[in-house]
Structures are given as structure tokens and as C-alpha cells.
Amino acid sequence: MAQSFEEQVEKELKSMDQRLYDLEEKMTSIDTKLSQVVDAILGNALTKTGGFVKDIDDLKIKIKELEDKLQKQEEFKKKFTWTIGIVLALAAILQYVANILSKIN
């Protein structure tokens, strides 16, 4: 009976050792995957990649550049519209003056 109890304890210890080994393997796998996720998000100093954070910063810079270009185009459009308006107004005034002068002569 003592031998069977020792065998049972030994089997349990082996089973526990196997479970501990499996858990350690799973933890190592999770750690590796977590490191990959962190590298993807924050970048990796060894490979000099920026990750998603760097990509987002780059996109913010590009968006700012596009907004600046759009603002410049809007300003040009306003200036062009005012110039056309002034030229047409001057032409109308000149036409009016010319009509008055032609009636006087």
C-alpha cells in the first residue's frame, strides 16, 4: 500500500511538473506575442522601425501640409475673385462714363 501511495504521489508530481512546463511554454509564447504587438505599436529601436505611432505622426504631418496647401488655395481663390470683381466694376464704370461722354458730344 505504501508503494502504491508513493507511486501515486510520483505520478501526481510528474503530472504537476508537466503542467508547470506547459504553462511556462505558454507564458513564453504570450511574452513573445506581446513583444511583437508592442514593437508594432511603438516601433523597434533595433530595426529602426517606428511602428504605428510613427505612422500616425507621419500622417499628422502630411495632413497639416495638405491643410496648409488648401488654405493657400482658398486665399488665392479669394484674391482672384476680388480681382475679377474689381476689374468688372472698373469696366462697368468706364462703360458708364463712355456712354455719358458720347451723349455729351
N, C-alpha and C. Protein backbone atom coordinates (compact mmCIF):
# COMPACT_ATOMS: atom_id res chain seq x y z
N MET A 1 0.82 -1.19 0.00
CA MET A 1 0.00 0.00 0.00
C MET A 1 0.87 1.25 0.00
N ALA A 2 1.96 1.22 0.76
CA ALA A 2 2.85 2.37 0.82
C ALA A 2 3.48 2.61 -0.54
N GLN A 3 3.76 1.55 -1.24
CA GLN A 3 4.36 1.69 -2.55
C GLN A 3 3.37 2.29 -3.54
N SER A 4 2.15 1.90 -3.49
CA SER A 4 1.16 2.44 -4.40
C SER A 4 0.92 3.92 -4.09
N PHE A 5 0.97 4.28 -2.79
CA PHE A 5 0.81 5.69 -2.44
C PHE A 5 1.99 6.50 -2.97
N GLU A 6 3.20 5.95 -2.84
CA GLU A 6 4.38 6.63 -3.37
C GLU A 6 4.29 6.75 -4.89
N GLU A 7 3.82 5.71 -5.55
CA GLU A 7 3.65 5.76 -7.00
C GLU A 7 2.62 6.81 -7.40
N GLN A 8 1.56 6.87 -6.63
CA GLN A 8 0.51 7.85 -6.91
C GLN A 8 1.06 9.27 -6.73
N VAL A 9 1.82 9.50 -5.67
CA VAL A 9 2.42 10.81 -5.43
C VAL A 9 3.40 11.14 -6.53
N GLU A 10 4.18 10.15 -6.94
CA GLU A 10 5.15 10.36 -8.01
C GLU A 10 4.44 10.70 -9.32
N LYS A 11 3.34 10.04 -9.62
CA LYS A 11 2.57 10.33 -10.83
C LYS A 11 2.02 11.76 -10.77
N GLU A 12 1.51 12.13 -9.59
CA GLU A 12 0.98 13.47 -9.43
C GLU A 12 2.08 14.52 -9.60
N LEU A 13 3.25 14.24 -9.05
CA LEU A 13 4.37 15.18 -9.18
C LEU A 13 4.79 15.31 -10.64
N LYS A 14 4.82 14.21 -11.36
CA LYS A 14 5.16 14.26 -12.78
C LYS A 14 4.10 15.04 -13.56
N SER A 15 2.85 14.78 -13.21
CA SER A 15 1.76 15.49 -13.86
C SER A 15 1.86 17.00 -13.58
N MET A 16 2.13 17.36 -12.34
CA MET A 16 2.27 18.76 -11.97
C MET A 16 3.48 19.39 -12.67
N ASP A 17 4.55 18.62 -12.77
CA ASP A 17 5.75 19.12 -13.46
C ASP A 17 5.45 19.37 -14.94
N GLN A 18 4.69 18.47 -15.55
CA GLN A 18 4.33 18.64 -16.96
C GLN A 18 3.44 19.86 -17.14
N ARG A 19 2.47 20.03 -16.24
CA ARG A 19 1.61 21.21 -16.32
C ARG A 19 2.41 22.50 -16.13
N LEU A 20 3.36 22.48 -15.20
CA LEU A 20 4.22 23.65 -14.99
C LEU A 20 5.03 23.95 -16.24
N TYR A 21 5.57 22.92 -16.87
CA TYR A 21 6.33 23.10 -18.10
C TYR A 21 5.43 23.69 -19.20
N ASP A 22 4.22 23.15 -19.35
CA ASP A 22 3.28 23.65 -20.36
C ASP A 22 2.93 25.11 -20.11
N LEU A 23 2.70 25.45 -18.85
CA LEU A 23 2.38 26.84 -18.51
C LEU A 23 3.55 27.78 -18.82
N GLU A 24 4.77 27.32 -18.53
CA GLU A 24 5.95 28.14 -18.84
C GLU A 24 6.07 28.36 -20.35
N GLU A 25 5.80 27.33 -21.13
CA GLU A 25 5.83 27.45 -22.58
C GLU A 25 4.78 28.44 -23.07
N LYS A 26 3.59 28.35 -22.51
CA LYS A 26 2.52 29.26 -22.90
C LYS A 26 2.87 30.71 -22.53
N MET A 27 3.46 30.88 -21.35
CA MET A 27 3.85 32.23 -20.93
C MET A 27 4.93 32.78 -21.84
N THR A 28 5.86 31.96 -22.25
CA THR A 28 6.90 32.40 -23.18
C THR A 28 6.29 32.79 -24.51
N SER A 29 5.34 32.01 -24.97
CA SER A 29 4.66 32.32 -26.23
C SER A 29 3.89 33.63 -26.12
N ILE A 30 3.18 33.82 -25.01
CA ILE A 30 2.44 35.06 -24.79
C ILE A 30 3.40 36.25 -24.72
N ASP A 31 4.52 36.07 -24.04
CA ASP A 31 5.51 37.16 -23.93
C ASP A 31 6.05 37.53 -25.31
N THR A 32 6.33 36.54 -26.14
CA THR A 32 6.83 36.80 -27.49
C THR A 32 5.78 37.56 -28.30
N LYS A 33 4.55 37.11 -28.23
CA LYS A 33 3.48 37.77 -28.98
C LYS A 33 3.26 39.20 -28.48
N LEU A 34 3.32 39.37 -27.17
CA LEU A 34 3.15 40.71 -26.59
C LEU A 34 4.29 41.63 -27.05
N SER A 35 5.49 41.11 -27.10
CA SER A 35 6.62 41.90 -27.59
C SER A 35 6.42 42.31 -29.04
N GLN A 36 5.88 41.41 -29.84
CA GLN A 36 5.61 41.72 -31.25
C GLN A 36 4.55 42.81 -31.36
N VAL A 37 3.53 42.75 -30.52
CA VAL A 37 2.47 43.76 -30.55
C VAL A 37 3.04 45.12 -30.14
N VAL A 38 3.84 45.13 -29.09
CA VAL A 38 4.44 46.39 -28.62
C VAL A 38 5.36 46.96 -29.71
N ASP A 39 6.14 46.10 -30.35
CA ASP A 39 7.02 46.57 -31.44
C ASP A 39 6.19 47.14 -32.59
N ALA A 40 5.06 46.52 -32.89
CA ALA A 40 4.22 47.02 -33.98
C ALA A 40 3.62 48.37 -33.63
N ILE A 41 3.25 48.56 -32.38
CA ILE A 41 2.63 49.82 -31.97
C ILE A 41 3.67 50.92 -31.77
N LEU A 42 4.69 50.63 -31.00
CA LEU A 42 5.66 51.67 -30.63
C LEU A 42 6.89 51.70 -31.52
N GLY A 43 7.14 50.63 -32.21
CA GLY A 43 8.34 50.55 -33.04
C GLY A 43 9.42 49.77 -32.33
N ASN A 44 10.48 49.50 -33.07
CA ASN A 44 11.57 48.70 -32.53
C ASN A 44 12.86 49.48 -32.70
N ALA A 45 13.55 49.73 -31.61
CA ALA A 45 14.79 50.51 -31.66
C ALA A 45 15.89 49.76 -32.42
N LEU A 46 15.88 48.45 -32.38
CA LEU A 46 16.93 47.69 -33.05
C LEU A 46 16.79 47.74 -34.57
N THR A 47 15.58 47.64 -35.06
CA THR A 47 15.36 47.64 -36.51
C THR A 47 15.06 49.03 -37.04
N LYS A 48 14.99 50.01 -36.14
CA LYS A 48 14.74 51.41 -36.51
C LYS A 48 13.39 51.62 -37.18
N THR A 49 12.43 50.77 -36.85
CA THR A 49 11.10 50.98 -37.38
C THR A 49 10.31 51.78 -36.37
N GLY A 50 9.39 52.59 -36.87
CA GLY A 50 8.66 53.49 -36.00
C GLY A 50 7.37 52.92 -35.45
N GLY A 51 6.82 51.92 -36.09
CA GLY A 51 5.56 51.37 -35.63
C GLY A 51 4.39 52.25 -35.98
N PHE A 52 3.23 51.90 -35.43
CA PHE A 52 2.01 52.63 -35.75
C PHE A 52 2.05 54.06 -35.23
N VAL A 53 2.70 54.27 -34.09
CA VAL A 53 2.79 55.62 -33.53
C VAL A 53 3.54 56.53 -34.49
N LYS A 54 4.62 56.05 -35.06
CA LYS A 54 5.39 56.83 -36.04
C LYS A 54 4.56 57.08 -37.29
N ASP A 55 3.83 56.04 -37.73
CA ASP A 55 2.96 56.20 -38.91
C ASP A 55 1.90 57.27 -38.66
N ILE A 56 1.33 57.27 -37.47
CA ILE A 56 0.31 58.27 -37.13
C ILE A 56 0.93 59.66 -37.12
N ASP A 57 2.13 59.79 -36.56
CA ASP A 57 2.80 61.09 -36.56
C ASP A 57 3.09 61.57 -37.98
N ASP A 58 3.53 60.64 -38.84
CA ASP A 58 3.78 60.99 -40.24
C ASP A 58 2.49 61.45 -40.93
N LEU A 59 1.39 60.75 -40.65
CA LEU A 59 0.12 61.13 -41.24
C LEU A 59 -0.34 62.50 -40.74
N LYS A 60 -0.09 62.79 -39.46
CA LYS A 60 -0.45 64.11 -38.94
C LYS A 60 0.32 65.21 -39.66
N ILE A 61 1.60 64.97 -39.92
CA ILE A 61 2.42 65.95 -40.64
C ILE A 61 1.88 66.15 -42.06
N LYS A 62 1.56 65.04 -42.74
CA LYS A 62 1.03 65.14 -44.10
C LYS A 62 -0.32 65.86 -44.13
N ILE A 63 -1.16 65.58 -43.15
CA ILE A 63 -2.46 66.26 -43.07
C ILE A 63 -2.25 67.75 -42.87
N LYS A 64 -1.32 68.12 -42.01
CA LYS A 64 -1.03 69.54 -41.77
C LYS A 64 -0.55 70.21 -43.05
N GLU A 65 0.32 69.54 -43.80
CA GLU A 65 0.81 70.08 -45.07
C GLU A 65 -0.35 70.27 -46.05
N LEU A 66 -1.23 69.30 -46.14
CA LEU A 66 -2.38 69.40 -47.05
C LEU A 66 -3.33 70.52 -46.61
N GLU A 67 -3.53 70.67 -45.31
CA GLU A 67 -4.37 71.75 -44.82
C GLU A 67 -3.77 73.11 -45.18
N ASP A 68 -2.43 73.22 -45.05
CA ASP A 68 -1.76 74.48 -45.41
C ASP A 68 -1.92 74.77 -46.90
N LYS A 69 -1.75 73.74 -47.73
CA LYS A 69 -1.92 73.92 -49.18
C LYS A 69 -3.35 74.34 -49.50
N LEU A 70 -4.30 73.72 -48.86
CA LEU A 70 -5.70 74.05 -49.09
C LEU A 70 -5.99 75.49 -48.67
N GLN A 71 -5.42 75.92 -47.55
CA GLN A 71 -5.59 77.29 -47.09
C GLN A 71 -5.02 78.28 -48.10
N LYS A 72 -3.85 77.96 -48.65
CA LYS A 72 -3.24 78.83 -49.65
C LYS A 72 -4.11 78.91 -50.90
N GLN A 73 -4.67 77.78 -51.32
CA GLN A 73 -5.54 77.77 -52.49
C GLN A 73 -6.81 78.59 -52.24
N GLU A 74 -7.35 78.48 -51.03
CA GLU A 74 -8.55 79.26 -50.70
C GLU A 74 -8.23 80.76 -50.72
N GLU A 75 -7.06 81.14 -50.21
CA GLU A 75 -6.66 82.55 -50.23
C GLU A 75 -6.47 83.04 -51.67
N PHE A 76 -5.85 82.22 -52.51
CA PHE A 76 -5.67 82.57 -53.91
C PHE A 76 -7.03 82.74 -54.60
N LYS A 77 -7.96 81.83 -54.30
CA LYS A 77 -9.30 81.89 -54.89
C LYS A 77 -10.00 83.19 -54.49
N LYS A 78 -9.87 83.58 -53.22
CA LYS A 78 -10.49 84.82 -52.77
C LYS A 78 -9.87 86.03 -53.47
N LYS A 79 -8.54 86.04 -53.56
CA LYS A 79 -7.86 87.16 -54.23
C LYS A 79 -8.26 87.23 -55.70
N PHE A 80 -8.32 86.09 -56.35
CA PHE A 80 -8.69 86.04 -57.77
C PHE A 80 -10.13 86.54 -57.96
N THR A 81 -11.02 86.11 -57.10
CA THR A 81 -12.42 86.54 -57.19
C THR A 81 -12.53 88.05 -57.00
N TRP A 82 -11.83 88.60 -56.01
CA TRP A 82 -11.86 90.04 -55.79
C TRP A 82 -11.27 90.80 -56.97
N THR A 83 -10.19 90.26 -57.53
CA THR A 83 -9.57 90.92 -58.68
C THR A 83 -10.54 90.96 -59.86
N ILE A 84 -11.18 89.85 -60.15
CA ILE A 84 -12.16 89.80 -61.25
C ILE A 84 -13.31 90.77 -60.96
N GLY A 85 -13.76 90.79 -59.72
CA GLY A 85 -14.85 91.71 -59.36
C GLY A 85 -14.47 93.16 -59.55
N ILE A 86 -13.26 93.51 -59.13
CA ILE A 86 -12.80 94.90 -59.28
C ILE A 86 -12.65 95.26 -60.75
N VAL A 87 -12.06 94.34 -61.53
CA VAL A 87 -11.88 94.61 -62.96
C VAL A 87 -13.25 94.80 -63.63
N LEU A 88 -14.22 93.97 -63.32
CA LEU A 88 -15.55 94.11 -63.91
C LEU A 88 -16.22 95.41 -63.46
N ALA A 89 -16.04 95.76 -62.19
CA ALA A 89 -16.62 97.01 -61.71
C ALA A 89 -15.99 98.20 -62.42
N LEU A 90 -14.67 98.19 -62.59
CA LEU A 90 -14.00 99.28 -63.31
C LEU A 90 -14.47 99.33 -64.76
N ALA A 91 -14.65 98.17 -65.38
CA ALA A 91 -15.12 98.14 -66.77
C ALA A 91 -16.53 98.72 -66.86
N ALA A 92 -17.37 98.40 -65.88
CA ALA A 92 -18.73 98.93 -65.89
C ALA A 92 -18.72 100.45 -65.69
N ILE A 93 -17.86 100.92 -64.80
CA ILE A 93 -17.75 102.37 -64.57
C ILE A 93 -17.24 103.07 -65.82
N LEU A 94 -16.22 102.49 -66.45
CA LEU A 94 -15.68 103.08 -67.68
C LEU A 94 -16.74 103.09 -68.79
N GLN A 95 -17.51 102.04 -68.89
CA GLN A 95 -18.57 101.98 -69.90
C GLN A 95 -19.61 103.06 -69.62
N TYR A 96 -19.94 103.23 -68.36
CA TYR A 96 -20.91 104.26 -67.99
C TYR A 96 -20.39 105.65 -68.33
N VAL A 97 -19.12 105.89 -67.99
CA VAL A 97 -18.52 107.19 -68.29
C VAL A 97 -18.47 107.39 -69.81
N ALA A 98 -18.12 106.37 -70.55
CA ALA A 98 -18.06 106.46 -72.01
C ALA A 98 -19.44 106.77 -72.59
N ASN A 99 -20.47 106.16 -72.06
CA ASN A 99 -21.84 106.45 -72.54
C ASN A 99 -22.22 107.90 -72.26
N ILE A 100 -21.86 108.39 -71.09
CA ILE A 100 -22.17 109.80 -70.76
C ILE A 100 -21.41 110.74 -71.67
N LEU A 101 -20.14 110.45 -71.91
CA LEU A 101 -19.32 111.31 -72.78
C LEU A 101 -19.84 111.28 -74.21
N SER A 102 -20.30 110.12 -74.67
CA SER A 102 -20.81 110.03 -76.04
C SER A 102 -22.13 110.81 -76.18
N LYS A 103 -22.92 110.88 -75.14
CA LYS A 103 -24.18 111.63 -75.17
C LYS A 103 -23.89 113.14 -75.15
N ILE A 104 -22.83 113.52 -74.44
CA ILE A 104 -22.47 114.94 -74.37
C ILE A 104 -21.95 115.42 -75.73
N ASN A 105 -21.18 114.62 -76.40
CA ASN A 105 -20.60 115.03 -77.68
C ASN A 105 -21.61 114.90 -78.72
